[in-house]
Amino acid sequence: FNHRAFTGRSGSFYKYEGLGSIYWHMVSKLLLALGENIIKLAAEDKSSDLARLEEYYYLIRQGIGLHKKPADYGAFPTDPYSHTPSMMGAQQPGLTGQVKEDVLSRFNEIGLIIDGGRIMFLPVLLKNTDFGDNEQFEFSFCNTRIIYHKAEEPYTEIWFFGENPPRHSFNSLELDREVSESIFYRKGEISKIVVGCPEIR
């Protein structure tokens, strides 16, 4: 392609995020877009395409700098860089857009979705390896502890402080608007939410 004949900001475009470079932010954008479409298909119960798309999702994810060896990335892989040209190490360090995209992609993987003011759990991108030895996956959202368990059927348990009994259970992965608002506004009414996740691969 005669890369050196291309001009750009420095007169050598091939080094700058374009030809001959891995542009990390664009890889993260692709991952985010695919993750969003997988969640959308799962929410619409169009599961026939999911397994293949999930396979592609994790292939793209393996290509992110975080999963590269330092020699391939050109720097310490957890440091955000703009791009890595083929002839040198990673360039333009800083808090790039890749960091934002990777955080949003992790929310897709966790499967925490907000729709119409309600919280829903759709962890179709979680894998067995995300669960620890105790067969659970735990994170917090708006200061509320959320625990995923592998289960045969979907269920949600809401544990309230000070109530007797403290637990409200139902066979759905959606919270109503009142409980969702309690979490959004950090009212401190809920001690934890336990979610039964079927079909974790």
Protein backbone atom coordinates (compact mmCIF):
# COMPACT_ATOMS: atom_id res chain seq x y z
CA PHE A 1 0.00 0.00 0.00
CA ASN A 2 3.01 2.34 0.09
CA HIS A 3 2.06 3.50 3.59
CA ARG A 4 4.82 6.07 3.77
CA ALA A 5 3.23 7.99 0.92
CA PHE A 6 0.16 8.76 3.07
CA THR A 7 0.19 12.10 4.83
CA GLY A 8 -1.37 12.91 8.14
CA ARG A 9 -0.69 14.96 11.23
CA SER A 10 3.04 14.28 11.05
CA GLY A 11 3.44 13.50 7.39
CA SER A 12 3.51 9.75 8.24
CA PHE A 13 -0.11 8.75 8.68
CA TYR A 14 0.65 5.03 8.85
CA LYS A 15 1.95 5.49 12.41
CA TYR A 16 -1.12 7.33 13.66
CA GLU A 17 -4.14 5.18 14.46
CA GLY A 18 -4.61 4.20 10.83
CA LEU A 19 -2.86 1.90 8.40
CA GLY A 20 -0.45 -0.46 10.08
CA SER A 21 -1.79 0.30 13.59
CA ILE A 22 -4.06 -1.42 16.08
CA TYR A 23 -6.36 1.38 17.22
CA TRP A 24 -7.41 0.17 20.69
CA HIS A 25 -10.40 2.47 21.04
CA MET A 26 -11.94 1.14 17.82
CA VAL A 27 -11.53 -2.47 19.01
CA SER A 28 -13.33 -1.51 22.23
CA LYS A 29 -16.10 0.23 20.27
CA LEU A 30 -16.63 -2.94 18.23
CA LEU A 31 -16.79 -5.02 21.42
CA LEU A 32 -19.32 -2.63 22.99
CA ALA A 33 -21.52 -2.56 19.88
CA LEU A 34 -21.58 -6.36 19.62
CA GLY A 35 -22.33 -6.69 23.36
CA GLU A 36 -25.24 -4.26 23.09
CA ASN A 37 -26.70 -6.24 20.19
CA ILE A 38 -26.35 -9.54 22.05
CA ILE A 39 -28.22 -8.07 25.04
CA LYS A 40 -30.91 -6.71 22.69
CA LEU A 41 -31.38 -10.12 21.03
CA ALA A 42 -31.51 -11.86 24.41
CA ALA A 43 -34.11 -9.36 25.69
CA GLU A 44 -36.22 -10.04 22.59
CA ASP A 45 -35.74 -13.80 23.16
CA LYS A 46 -34.07 -14.28 19.78
CA SER A 47 -31.62 -16.83 21.11
CA SER A 48 -30.85 -18.71 17.90
CA ASP A 49 -27.96 -16.37 17.02
CA LEU A 50 -26.62 -15.80 20.52
CA ALA A 51 -24.09 -18.63 20.87
CA ARG A 52 -22.27 -17.67 17.67
CA LEU A 53 -22.32 -13.95 18.50
CA GLU A 54 -21.05 -14.64 22.03
CA GLU A 55 -18.16 -16.60 20.52
CA TYR A 56 -17.26 -13.59 18.35
CA TYR A 57 -17.65 -11.30 21.37
CA TYR A 58 -15.00 -13.16 23.34
CA LEU A 59 -12.70 -13.42 20.33
CA ILE A 60 -12.80 -9.61 20.04
CA ARG A 61 -12.31 -9.26 23.80
CA GLN A 62 -9.18 -11.42 23.64
CA GLY A 63 -7.81 -8.91 21.12
CA ILE A 64 -8.06 -5.97 23.53
CA GLY A 65 -4.73 -4.68 24.84
CA LEU A 66 -5.49 -5.91 28.37
CA HIS A 67 -5.20 -9.49 27.13
CA LYS A 68 -2.02 -8.94 25.11
CA LYS A 69 1.54 -9.69 26.15
CA PRO A 70 3.55 -6.53 26.86
CA ALA A 71 5.76 -7.25 23.83
CA ASP A 72 2.71 -7.30 21.54
CA TYR A 73 0.96 -4.35 23.16
CA GLY A 74 4.11 -2.29 23.34
CA ALA A 75 3.56 -1.21 26.95
CA PHE A 76 2.18 -2.54 30.24
CA PRO A 77 -1.20 -3.94 29.01
CA THR A 78 -3.41 -2.40 31.70
CA ASP A 79 -2.20 1.11 30.85
CA PRO A 80 -4.52 2.78 28.32
CA TYR A 81 -2.90 3.81 25.06
CA SER A 82 -4.41 5.12 21.86
CA HIS A 83 -2.83 2.70 19.38
CA THR A 84 0.06 0.38 18.64
CA PRO A 85 1.79 0.78 15.24
CA SER A 86 3.24 -2.39 13.76
CA MET A 87 6.81 -1.04 13.87
CA MET A 88 6.92 0.26 17.47
CA GLY A 89 5.35 0.14 20.93
CA ALA A 90 2.03 1.57 22.09
CA GLN A 91 1.58 5.30 21.49
CA GLN A 92 -0.28 8.22 23.12
CA PRO A 93 -0.79 7.15 26.73
CA GLY A 94 -3.71 8.58 28.67
CA LEU A 95 -7.29 8.01 29.69
CA THR A 96 -8.52 7.16 26.21
CA GLY A 97 -12.07 6.45 25.12
CA GLN A 98 -11.16 2.77 25.29
CA VAL A 99 -11.42 2.92 29.09
CA LYS A 100 -15.03 4.16 28.90
CA GLU A 101 -15.99 1.53 26.32
CA ASP A 102 -14.41 -1.26 28.38
CA VAL A 103 -16.33 -0.20 31.51
CA LEU A 104 -19.60 -0.14 29.54
CA SER A 105 -18.77 -3.54 28.04
CA ARG A 106 -18.32 -4.96 31.53
CA PHE A 107 -21.82 -3.74 32.43
CA ASN A 108 -23.07 -5.63 29.36
CA GLU A 109 -21.25 -8.75 30.55
CA ILE A 110 -22.75 -8.43 34.02
CA GLY A 111 -26.13 -8.02 32.33
CA LEU A 112 -27.40 -5.14 34.44
CA ILE A 113 -29.89 -3.26 32.28
CA ILE A 114 -32.01 -0.21 33.03
CA ASP A 115 -35.16 0.07 30.95
CA GLY A 116 -38.09 2.38 31.63
CA GLY A 117 -36.78 3.23 35.10
CA ARG A 118 -36.53 -0.43 36.14
CA ILE A 119 -33.49 -2.62 36.76
CA MET A 120 -33.31 -5.94 34.92
CA PHE A 121 -30.70 -8.69 35.03
CA LEU A 122 -29.77 -10.43 31.78
CA PRO A 123 -26.29 -11.94 32.31
CA VAL A 124 -26.11 -13.79 28.98
CA LEU A 125 -22.44 -12.84 28.52
CA LEU A 126 -21.23 -14.16 31.87
CA LYS A 127 -19.21 -17.36 31.81
CA ASN A 128 -18.61 -20.14 34.31
CA THR A 129 -15.13 -18.74 34.86
CA ASP A 130 -16.66 -15.50 36.21
CA PHE A 131 -18.05 -17.46 39.16
CA GLY A 132 -15.78 -18.27 42.08
CA ASP A 133 -15.35 -21.54 43.96
CA ASN A 134 -18.52 -20.74 45.91
CA GLU A 135 -20.50 -20.70 42.64
CA GLN A 136 -21.43 -17.05 42.91
CA PHE A 137 -20.55 -13.74 41.27
CA GLU A 138 -20.85 -10.58 43.31
CA PHE A 139 -20.75 -6.86 42.52
CA SER A 140 -22.36 -3.66 43.76
CA PHE A 141 -24.54 -1.13 42.00
CA CYS A 142 -25.50 2.20 43.57
CA ASN A 143 -24.15 0.90 46.91
CA THR A 144 -26.38 -2.18 46.73
CA ARG A 145 -24.84 -5.62 46.96
CA ILE A 146 -25.89 -7.92 44.10
CA ILE A 147 -25.09 -11.64 44.12
CA TYR A 148 -25.53 -13.93 41.12
CA HIS A 149 -25.95 -17.67 41.67
CA LYS A 150 -26.14 -20.35 39.01
CA ALA A 151 -29.67 -21.75 38.98
CA GLU A 152 -31.96 -24.07 37.05
CA GLU A 153 -34.70 -21.43 36.82
CA PRO A 154 -34.51 -17.63 37.03
CA TYR A 155 -35.37 -15.99 40.35
CA THR A 156 -34.72 -12.81 42.28
CA GLU A 157 -34.60 -12.31 46.04
CA ILE A 158 -34.71 -8.84 47.55
CA TRP A 159 -33.42 -8.68 51.12
CA PHE A 160 -34.63 -5.62 53.04
CA PHE A 161 -33.09 -4.22 56.21
CA GLY A 162 -35.34 -4.41 59.27
CA GLU A 163 -38.20 -6.38 57.72
CA ASN A 164 -39.51 -9.67 59.08
CA PRO A 165 -39.21 -11.75 56.99
CA PRO A 166 -36.48 -9.76 55.23
CA ARG A 167 -36.68 -11.63 51.94
CA HIS A 168 -39.08 -11.12 49.02
CA SER A 169 -38.70 -13.72 46.26
CA PHE A 170 -40.16 -14.01 42.76
CA ASN A 171 -39.52 -15.94 39.52
CA SER A 172 -38.34 -13.06 37.38
CA LEU A 173 -35.12 -11.16 36.71
CA GLU A 174 -36.80 -7.74 36.73
CA LEU A 175 -37.21 -5.34 39.64
CA ASP A 176 -40.26 -3.14 39.89
CA ARG A 177 -40.00 0.63 39.67
CA GLU A 178 -40.28 1.15 43.45
CA VAL A 179 -37.40 -1.17 44.29
CA SER A 180 -35.35 0.19 41.38
CA GLU A 181 -35.83 3.76 42.61
CA SER A 182 -34.80 2.72 46.12
CA ILE A 183 -31.52 1.49 44.63
CA PHE A 184 -31.02 4.50 42.32
CA TYR A 185 -31.58 6.96 45.18
CA ARG A 186 -29.44 4.91 47.61
CA LYS A 187 -32.17 4.91 50.24
CA GLY A 188 -30.42 2.20 52.25
CA GLU A 189 -33.53 -0.01 52.45
CA ILE A 190 -32.08 -3.06 50.69
CA SER A 191 -29.27 -5.14 52.16
CA LYS A 192 -28.72 -7.30 49.07
CA ILE A 193 -30.28 -8.72 45.92
CA VAL A 194 -29.72 -12.39 45.05
CA VAL A 195 -30.28 -13.38 41.42
CA GLY A 196 -30.62 -16.93 40.12
CA CYS A 197 -28.99 -17.08 36.68
CA PRO A 198 -29.88 -19.99 34.39
CA GLU A 199 -27.90 -21.07 31.33
CA ILE A 200 -24.47 -19.81 32.42
CA ARG A 201 -21.94 -21.38 30.03
